[in-house]
Amino acid sequence: MEYEKMAEEIFELISKLRFGQQTQPLNDATHGEHFILVYLCRKQCALPGDLAQIMNASTAYIAKLLRGLEEKQLILRRQDEQDRRRTLITLTDAGVAAAQQDMEFVRMHIIQTLEKLGEEDAEHLVRILKKLLASKEEHPI
């Protein structure tokens, strides 16, 4: 097989899927803010440094995103009770609602995409994604 040619084609297709059309923001939050909201909804709380590492972003960028979310009253910063030098980030009730709304929007978009693929292709896609994830977990880059 010509893996190099296939890799080029996959890169091109994913780029078109990701960047081919501009998606409408779910609310007035940026994509980075959406990520943080959903992450906090799943994990309950996080440290700013952890968010920077997970998002592969600078701490300055994370600080900017957190300021924006705080101004929108979607997050709270509080001192870690076990280590007062650390600041924990949690969601407000409005933040939880915004994260849940975002996740539901994405879930519905995925359902529509899977319906377009059809049952057999959708099952193949899920199987392949699981295989890719297992491979990544076995051999992290």
N, C-alpha and C. Protein backbone atom coordinates (compact mmCIF):
# COMPACT_ATOMS: atom_id res chain seq x y z
N MET A 1 0.84 -1.20 0.00
CA MET A 1 0.00 0.00 0.00
C MET A 1 0.87 1.24 0.00
N GLU A 2 0.35 2.27 -0.55
CA GLU A 2 1.07 3.55 -0.59
C GLU A 2 0.63 4.41 0.60
N TYR A 3 1.25 4.17 1.74
CA TYR A 3 0.85 4.85 2.96
C TYR A 3 1.12 6.35 2.89
N GLU A 4 2.19 6.75 2.21
CA GLU A 4 2.48 8.18 2.09
C GLU A 4 1.36 8.89 1.33
N LYS A 5 0.92 8.29 0.24
CA LYS A 5 -0.16 8.88 -0.57
C LYS A 5 -1.46 8.91 0.24
N MET A 6 -1.72 7.82 0.97
CA MET A 6 -2.93 7.77 1.79
C MET A 6 -2.87 8.81 2.91
N ALA A 7 -1.68 8.97 3.49
CA ALA A 7 -1.52 9.96 4.56
C ALA A 7 -1.82 11.36 4.04
N GLU A 8 -1.31 11.68 2.86
CA GLU A 8 -1.58 12.99 2.24
C GLU A 8 -3.08 13.18 2.03
N GLU A 9 -3.73 12.13 1.52
CA GLU A 9 -5.17 12.21 1.25
C GLU A 9 -5.96 12.38 2.55
N ILE A 10 -5.59 11.64 3.59
CA ILE A 10 -6.27 11.76 4.89
C ILE A 10 -6.07 13.16 5.46
N PHE A 11 -4.84 13.65 5.38
CA PHE A 11 -4.56 15.00 5.87
C PHE A 11 -5.45 16.01 5.16
N GLU A 12 -5.53 15.91 3.86
CA GLU A 12 -6.34 16.84 3.06
C GLU A 12 -7.83 16.73 3.43
N LEU A 13 -8.32 15.50 3.57
CA LEU A 13 -9.73 15.30 3.90
C LEU A 13 -10.07 15.83 5.29
N ILE A 14 -9.19 15.55 6.25
CA ILE A 14 -9.44 16.04 7.61
C ILE A 14 -9.38 17.56 7.65
N SER A 15 -8.45 18.13 6.91
CA SER A 15 -8.36 19.59 6.85
C SER A 15 -9.65 20.18 6.29
N LYS A 16 -10.18 19.57 5.26
CA LYS A 16 -11.44 20.06 4.68
C LYS A 16 -12.59 19.90 5.66
N LEU A 17 -12.62 18.76 6.37
CA LEU A 17 -13.68 18.57 7.36
C LEU A 17 -13.58 19.59 8.47
N ARG A 18 -12.37 19.82 8.93
CA ARG A 18 -12.15 20.70 10.08
C ARG A 18 -12.27 22.17 9.72
N PHE A 19 -11.65 22.55 8.59
CA PHE A 19 -11.54 23.96 8.27
C PHE A 19 -12.32 24.38 7.02
N GLY A 20 -12.93 23.42 6.35
CA GLY A 20 -13.60 23.72 5.09
C GLY A 20 -14.77 24.66 5.23
N GLN A 21 -15.44 24.58 6.33
CA GLN A 21 -16.55 25.51 6.56
C GLN A 21 -16.42 26.05 7.96
N GLN A 22 -16.70 27.29 8.10
CA GLN A 22 -16.63 27.90 9.42
C GLN A 22 -17.88 27.53 10.20
N THR A 23 -17.66 26.99 11.38
CA THR A 23 -18.80 26.63 12.21
C THR A 23 -19.23 27.84 13.03
N GLN A 24 -20.49 27.91 13.27
CA GLN A 24 -21.02 28.98 14.10
C GLN A 24 -20.71 28.69 15.55
N PRO A 25 -20.28 29.68 16.30
CA PRO A 25 -20.06 29.43 17.72
C PRO A 25 -21.37 29.04 18.40
N LEU A 26 -21.28 28.19 19.40
CA LEU A 26 -22.48 27.73 20.08
C LEU A 26 -23.08 28.84 20.93
N ASN A 27 -22.24 29.69 21.43
CA ASN A 27 -22.68 30.90 22.13
C ASN A 27 -21.59 31.92 21.85
N ASP A 28 -21.38 32.86 22.70
CA ASP A 28 -20.36 33.87 22.40
C ASP A 28 -18.97 33.48 22.89
N ALA A 29 -18.75 32.19 23.13
CA ALA A 29 -17.45 31.71 23.59
C ALA A 29 -16.56 31.32 22.41
N THR A 30 -15.25 31.36 22.64
CA THR A 30 -14.30 30.93 21.62
C THR A 30 -14.17 29.41 21.67
N HIS A 31 -13.49 28.83 20.68
CA HIS A 31 -13.29 27.38 20.67
C HIS A 31 -12.51 26.92 21.91
N GLY A 32 -11.49 27.69 22.31
CA GLY A 32 -10.73 27.35 23.50
C GLY A 32 -11.60 27.37 24.74
N GLU A 33 -12.49 28.34 24.81
CA GLU A 33 -13.41 28.43 25.95
C GLU A 33 -14.35 27.23 25.96
N HIS A 34 -14.81 26.82 24.78
CA HIS A 34 -15.68 25.64 24.71
C HIS A 34 -14.97 24.42 25.26
N PHE A 35 -13.70 24.25 24.85
CA PHE A 35 -12.92 23.11 25.32
C PHE A 35 -12.84 23.12 26.84
N ILE A 36 -12.52 24.26 27.40
CA ILE A 36 -12.39 24.37 28.86
C ILE A 36 -13.72 24.07 29.55
N LEU A 37 -14.81 24.59 29.04
CA LEU A 37 -16.12 24.34 29.65
C LEU A 37 -16.43 22.84 29.68
N VAL A 38 -16.24 22.18 28.54
CA VAL A 38 -16.55 20.75 28.47
C VAL A 38 -15.59 19.95 29.35
N TYR A 39 -14.32 20.32 29.33
CA TYR A 39 -13.33 19.62 30.16
C TYR A 39 -13.70 19.74 31.64
N LEU A 40 -14.03 20.94 32.08
CA LEU A 40 -14.40 21.14 33.48
C LEU A 40 -15.70 20.42 33.83
N CYS A 41 -16.60 20.36 32.89
CA CYS A 41 -17.87 19.66 33.14
C CYS A 41 -17.60 18.17 33.38
N ARG A 42 -16.65 17.62 32.65
CA ARG A 42 -16.33 16.20 32.80
C ARG A 42 -15.45 15.93 34.02
N LYS A 43 -14.50 16.85 34.33
CA LYS A 43 -13.53 16.61 35.39
C LYS A 43 -13.87 17.31 36.71
N GLN A 44 -14.83 18.20 36.73
CA GLN A 44 -15.26 18.96 37.91
C GLN A 44 -14.38 20.15 38.23
N CYS A 45 -13.05 20.00 38.14
CA CYS A 45 -12.15 21.12 38.41
C CYS A 45 -10.81 20.86 37.74
N ALA A 46 -10.02 21.92 37.60
CA ALA A 46 -8.69 21.79 36.99
C ALA A 46 -7.82 22.94 37.44
N LEU A 47 -6.53 22.73 37.29
CA LEU A 47 -5.55 23.78 37.52
C LEU A 47 -5.25 24.46 36.19
N PRO A 48 -4.99 25.76 36.21
CA PRO A 48 -4.66 26.44 34.95
C PRO A 48 -3.49 25.79 34.20
N GLY A 49 -2.48 25.35 34.93
CA GLY A 49 -1.33 24.71 34.30
C GLY A 49 -1.70 23.40 33.61
N ASP A 50 -2.62 22.66 34.22
CA ASP A 50 -3.09 21.42 33.60
C ASP A 50 -3.83 21.71 32.30
N LEU A 51 -4.64 22.76 32.30
CA LEU A 51 -5.36 23.15 31.08
C LEU A 51 -4.37 23.52 29.98
N ALA A 52 -3.33 24.25 30.34
CA ALA A 52 -2.30 24.63 29.36
C ALA A 52 -1.65 23.40 28.76
N GLN A 53 -1.34 22.43 29.61
CA GLN A 53 -0.69 21.22 29.13
C GLN A 53 -1.63 20.41 28.23
N ILE A 54 -2.86 20.21 28.64
CA ILE A 54 -3.82 19.42 27.88
C ILE A 54 -4.12 20.07 26.53
N MET A 55 -4.20 21.40 26.53
CA MET A 55 -4.52 22.12 25.30
C MET A 55 -3.28 22.45 24.48
N ASN A 56 -2.11 22.11 25.02
CA ASN A 56 -0.84 22.44 24.35
C ASN A 56 -0.80 23.93 24.04
N ALA A 57 -1.08 24.72 25.06
CA ALA A 57 -1.17 26.17 24.91
C ALA A 57 -0.32 26.85 25.98
N SER A 58 -0.01 28.10 25.75
CA SER A 58 0.77 28.85 26.74
C SER A 58 -0.10 29.19 27.95
N THR A 59 0.55 29.40 29.07
CA THR A 59 -0.19 29.79 30.27
C THR A 59 -0.82 31.17 30.09
N ALA A 60 -0.19 32.03 29.28
CA ALA A 60 -0.76 33.35 29.01
C ALA A 60 -2.08 33.22 28.25
N TYR A 61 -2.13 32.31 27.28
CA TYR A 61 -3.35 32.09 26.51
C TYR A 61 -4.44 31.52 27.40
N ILE A 62 -4.08 30.58 28.27
CA ILE A 62 -5.06 30.00 29.20
C ILE A 62 -5.59 31.08 30.14
N ALA A 63 -4.70 31.94 30.63
CA ALA A 63 -5.13 33.03 31.51
C ALA A 63 -6.14 33.92 30.81
N LYS A 64 -5.90 34.20 29.53
CA LYS A 64 -6.82 35.03 28.74
C LYS A 64 -8.18 34.34 28.61
N LEU A 65 -8.16 33.03 28.30
CA LEU A 65 -9.42 32.28 28.18
C LEU A 65 -10.17 32.26 29.51
N LEU A 66 -9.44 32.04 30.59
CA LEU A 66 -10.08 31.99 31.90
C LEU A 66 -10.67 33.34 32.30
N ARG A 67 -9.96 34.43 31.97
CA ARG A 67 -10.51 35.77 32.24
C ARG A 67 -11.84 35.96 31.51
N GLY A 68 -11.87 35.54 30.23
CA GLY A 68 -13.09 35.67 29.45
C GLY A 68 -14.23 34.86 30.04
N LEU A 69 -13.93 33.63 30.45
CA LEU A 69 -14.97 32.79 31.06
C LEU A 69 -15.43 33.33 32.40
N GLU A 70 -14.50 33.91 33.15
CA GLU A 70 -14.85 34.51 34.44
C GLU A 70 -15.73 35.74 34.24
N GLU A 71 -15.41 36.56 33.25
CA GLU A 71 -16.22 37.74 32.95
C GLU A 71 -17.64 37.34 32.55
N LYS A 72 -17.77 36.20 31.88
CA LYS A 72 -19.08 35.70 31.47
C LYS A 72 -19.77 34.93 32.59
N GLN A 73 -19.12 34.88 33.74
CA GLN A 73 -19.61 34.20 34.94
C GLN A 73 -19.87 32.71 34.70
N LEU A 74 -18.97 32.08 33.92
CA LEU A 74 -19.10 30.66 33.63
C LEU A 74 -18.15 29.80 34.47
N ILE A 75 -17.13 30.44 35.04
CA ILE A 75 -16.19 29.71 35.91
C ILE A 75 -15.95 30.48 37.20
N LEU A 76 -15.40 29.75 38.17
CA LEU A 76 -14.96 30.35 39.43
C LEU A 76 -13.52 29.91 39.67
N ARG A 77 -12.72 30.80 40.19
CA ARG A 77 -11.37 30.46 40.63
C ARG A 77 -11.42 30.42 42.15
N ARG A 78 -10.86 29.34 42.71
CA ARG A 78 -10.82 29.25 44.17
C ARG A 78 -9.50 28.62 44.59
N GLN A 79 -9.11 28.96 45.78
CA GLN A 79 -7.86 28.46 46.32
C GLN A 79 -8.00 26.97 46.66
N ASP A 80 -7.00 26.18 46.30
CA ASP A 80 -6.98 24.76 46.64
C ASP A 80 -6.80 24.66 48.16
N GLU A 81 -7.71 23.96 48.82
CA GLU A 81 -7.65 23.85 50.28
C GLU A 81 -6.43 23.06 50.76
N GLN A 82 -5.94 22.13 49.93
CA GLN A 82 -4.78 21.32 50.33
C GLN A 82 -3.45 21.99 50.01
N ASP A 83 -3.45 22.89 49.05
CA ASP A 83 -2.23 23.62 48.70
C ASP A 83 -2.65 25.04 48.30
N ARG A 84 -2.58 25.94 49.24
CA ARG A 84 -3.11 27.30 49.05
C ARG A 84 -2.37 28.09 47.97
N ARG A 85 -1.26 27.56 47.47
CA ARG A 85 -0.54 28.24 46.38
C ARG A 85 -1.22 27.97 45.03
N ARG A 86 -2.07 26.95 44.99
CA ARG A 86 -2.72 26.56 43.72
C ARG A 86 -4.13 27.12 43.63
N THR A 87 -4.51 27.44 42.40
CA THR A 87 -5.86 27.94 42.13
C THR A 87 -6.61 26.90 41.33
N LEU A 88 -7.76 26.49 41.84
CA LEU A 88 -8.62 25.53 41.14
C LEU A 88 -9.67 26.28 40.33
N ILE A 89 -9.95 25.75 39.17
CA ILE A 89 -10.98 26.32 38.30
C ILE A 89 -12.17 25.38 38.31
N THR A 90 -13.36 25.91 38.60
CA THR A 90 -14.59 25.13 38.58
C THR A 90 -15.64 25.89 37.78
N LEU A 91 -16.69 25.18 37.41
CA LEU A 91 -17.79 25.80 36.67
C LEU A 91 -18.83 26.37 37.63
N THR A 92 -19.43 27.46 37.22
CA THR A 92 -20.62 27.97 37.89
C THR A 92 -21.81 27.17 37.36
N ASP A 93 -22.98 27.39 37.91
CA ASP A 93 -24.17 26.72 37.38
C ASP A 93 -24.39 27.12 35.92
N ALA A 94 -24.13 28.39 35.61
CA ALA A 94 -24.27 28.85 34.22
C ALA A 94 -23.23 28.17 33.32
N GLY A 95 -22.04 27.93 33.87
CA GLY A 95 -20.99 27.24 33.12
C GLY A 95 -21.36 25.80 32.83
N VAL A 96 -21.94 25.13 33.81
CA VAL A 96 -22.40 23.75 33.62
C VAL A 96 -23.46 23.71 32.52
N ALA A 97 -24.40 24.65 32.58
CA ALA A 97 -25.46 24.70 31.57
C ALA A 97 -24.88 24.96 30.18
N ALA A 98 -23.92 25.87 30.08
CA ALA A 98 -23.30 26.17 28.78
C ALA A 98 -22.54 24.96 28.26
N ALA A 99 -21.81 24.26 29.12
CA ALA A 99 -21.07 23.07 28.71
C ALA A 99 -22.02 21.98 28.24
N GLN A 100 -23.10 21.78 28.97
CA GLN A 100 -24.08 20.76 28.59
C GLN A 100 -24.73 21.10 27.25
N GLN A 101 -25.00 22.38 27.03
CA GLN A 101 -25.57 22.83 25.76
C GLN A 101 -24.57 22.56 24.62
N ASP A 102 -23.31 22.87 24.86
CA ASP A 102 -22.28 22.62 23.85
C ASP A 102 -22.17 21.14 23.52
N MET A 103 -22.15 20.31 24.57
CA MET A 103 -22.01 18.86 24.35
C MET A 103 -23.22 18.30 23.60
N GLU A 104 -24.40 18.80 23.92
CA GLU A 104 -25.60 18.34 23.22
C GLU A 104 -25.58 18.75 21.75
N PHE A 105 -25.12 19.96 21.47
CA PHE A 105 -25.00 20.43 20.09
C PHE A 105 -24.06 19.53 19.31
N VAL A 106 -22.90 19.24 19.88
CA VAL A 106 -21.91 18.38 19.22
C VAL A 106 -22.47 16.97 19.05
N ARG A 107 -23.12 16.46 20.08
CA ARG A 107 -23.72 15.12 20.00
C ARG A 107 -24.72 15.02 18.85
N MET A 108 -25.56 16.04 18.72
CA MET A 108 -26.56 16.03 17.64
C MET A 108 -25.87 16.12 16.27
N HIS A 109 -24.80 16.90 16.18
CA HIS A 109 -24.06 17.01 14.92
C HIS A 109 -23.44 15.66 14.56
N ILE A 110 -22.90 14.96 15.54
CA ILE A 110 -22.32 13.64 15.29
C ILE A 110 -23.39 12.66 14.84
N ILE A 111 -24.54 12.69 15.49
CA ILE A 111 -25.64 11.80 15.09
C ILE A 111 -26.03 12.05 13.65
N GLN A 112 -26.16 13.32 13.26
CA GLN A 112 -26.51 13.64 11.87
C GLN A 112 -25.45 13.14 10.90
N THR A 113 -24.19 13.28 11.27
CA THR A 113 -23.10 12.80 10.42
C THR A 113 -23.14 11.28 10.29
N LEU A 114 -23.36 10.58 11.40
CA LEU A 114 -23.43 9.12 11.36
C LEU A 114 -24.61 8.65 10.54
N GLU A 115 -25.73 9.36 10.63
CA GLU A 115 -26.90 9.00 9.82
C GLU A 115 -26.59 9.14 8.33
N LYS A 116 -25.82 10.16 7.96
CA LYS A 116 -25.42 10.34 6.56
C LYS A 116 -24.51 9.20 6.09
N LEU A 117 -23.67 8.68 7.00
CA LEU A 117 -22.78 7.58 6.66
C LEU A 117 -23.55 6.28 6.46
N GLY A 118 -24.61 6.12 7.21
CA GLY A 118 -25.34 4.86 7.19
C GLY A 118 -24.81 3.96 8.29
N GLU A 119 -25.63 2.96 8.66
CA GLU A 119 -25.31 2.13 9.81
C GLU A 119 -23.99 1.38 9.66
N GLU A 120 -23.77 0.75 8.53
CA GLU A 120 -22.56 -0.05 8.35
C GLU A 120 -21.30 0.81 8.40
N ASP A 121 -21.28 1.91 7.64
CA ASP A 121 -20.11 2.78 7.65
C ASP A 121 -19.89 3.45 9.01
N ALA A 122 -20.99 3.78 9.69
CA ALA A 122 -20.88 4.39 11.01
C ALA A 122 -20.23 3.40 11.99
N GLU A 123 -20.64 2.13 11.92
CA GLU A 123 -20.04 1.11 12.78
C GLU A 123 -18.56 0.93 12.45
N HIS A 124 -18.21 0.96 11.17
CA HIS A 124 -16.80 0.86 10.77
C HIS A 124 -16.00 2.04 11.31
N LEU A 125 -16.57 3.24 11.23
CA LEU A 125 -15.89 4.43 11.73
C LEU A 125 -15.61 4.30 13.22
N VAL A 126 -16.59 3.89 13.98
CA VAL A 126 -16.42 3.73 15.43
C VAL A 126 -15.35 2.67 15.71
N ARG A 127 -15.40 1.56 14.98
CA ARG A 127 -14.40 0.50 15.16
C ARG A 127 -12.99 1.01 14.88
N ILE A 128 -12.83 1.75 13.79
CA ILE A 128 -11.52 2.28 13.41
C ILE A 128 -11.04 3.31 14.43
N LEU A 129 -11.93 4.19 14.90
CA LEU A 129 -11.54 5.18 15.91
C LEU A 129 -11.08 4.50 17.20
N LYS A 130 -11.77 3.44 17.60
CA LYS A 130 -11.35 2.69 18.79
C LYS A 130 -9.98 2.07 18.59
N LYS A 131 -9.75 1.55 17.40
CA LYS A 131 -8.46 0.95 17.08
C LYS A 131 -7.34 1.99 17.10
N LEU A 132 -7.62 3.18 16.56
CA LEU A 132 -6.64 4.27 16.58
C LEU A 132 -6.32 4.70 18.01
N LEU A 133 -7.35 4.82 18.82
CA LEU A 133 -7.14 5.22 20.21
C LEU A 133 -6.33 4.17 20.97
N ALA A 134 -6.65 2.90 20.77
CA ALA A 134 -5.89 1.83 21.43
C ALA A 134 -4.43 1.88 21.01
N SER A 135 -4.19 2.12 19.72
CA SER A 135 -2.82 2.20 19.22
C SER A 135 -2.08 3.37 19.83
N LYS A 136 -2.77 4.49 19.95
CA LYS A 136 -2.14 5.69 20.55
C LYS A 136 -1.82 5.44 22.01
N GLU A 137 -2.70 4.77 22.72
CA GLU A 137 -2.47 4.48 24.14
C GLU A 137 -1.30 3.51 24.33
N GLU A 138 -1.14 2.57 23.38
CA GLU A 138 -0.03 1.62 23.46
C GLU A 138 1.31 2.28 23.13
N HIS A 139 1.28 3.19 22.17
CA HIS A 139 2.51 3.83 21.66
C HIS A 139 2.33 5.33 21.59
N PRO A 140 2.29 6.02 22.72
CA PRO A 140 2.12 7.49 22.66
C PRO A 140 3.30 8.15 21.94
N ILE A 141 2.96 9.17 21.21
CA ILE A 141 3.99 9.89 20.46
C ILE A 141 4.65 10.92 21.34
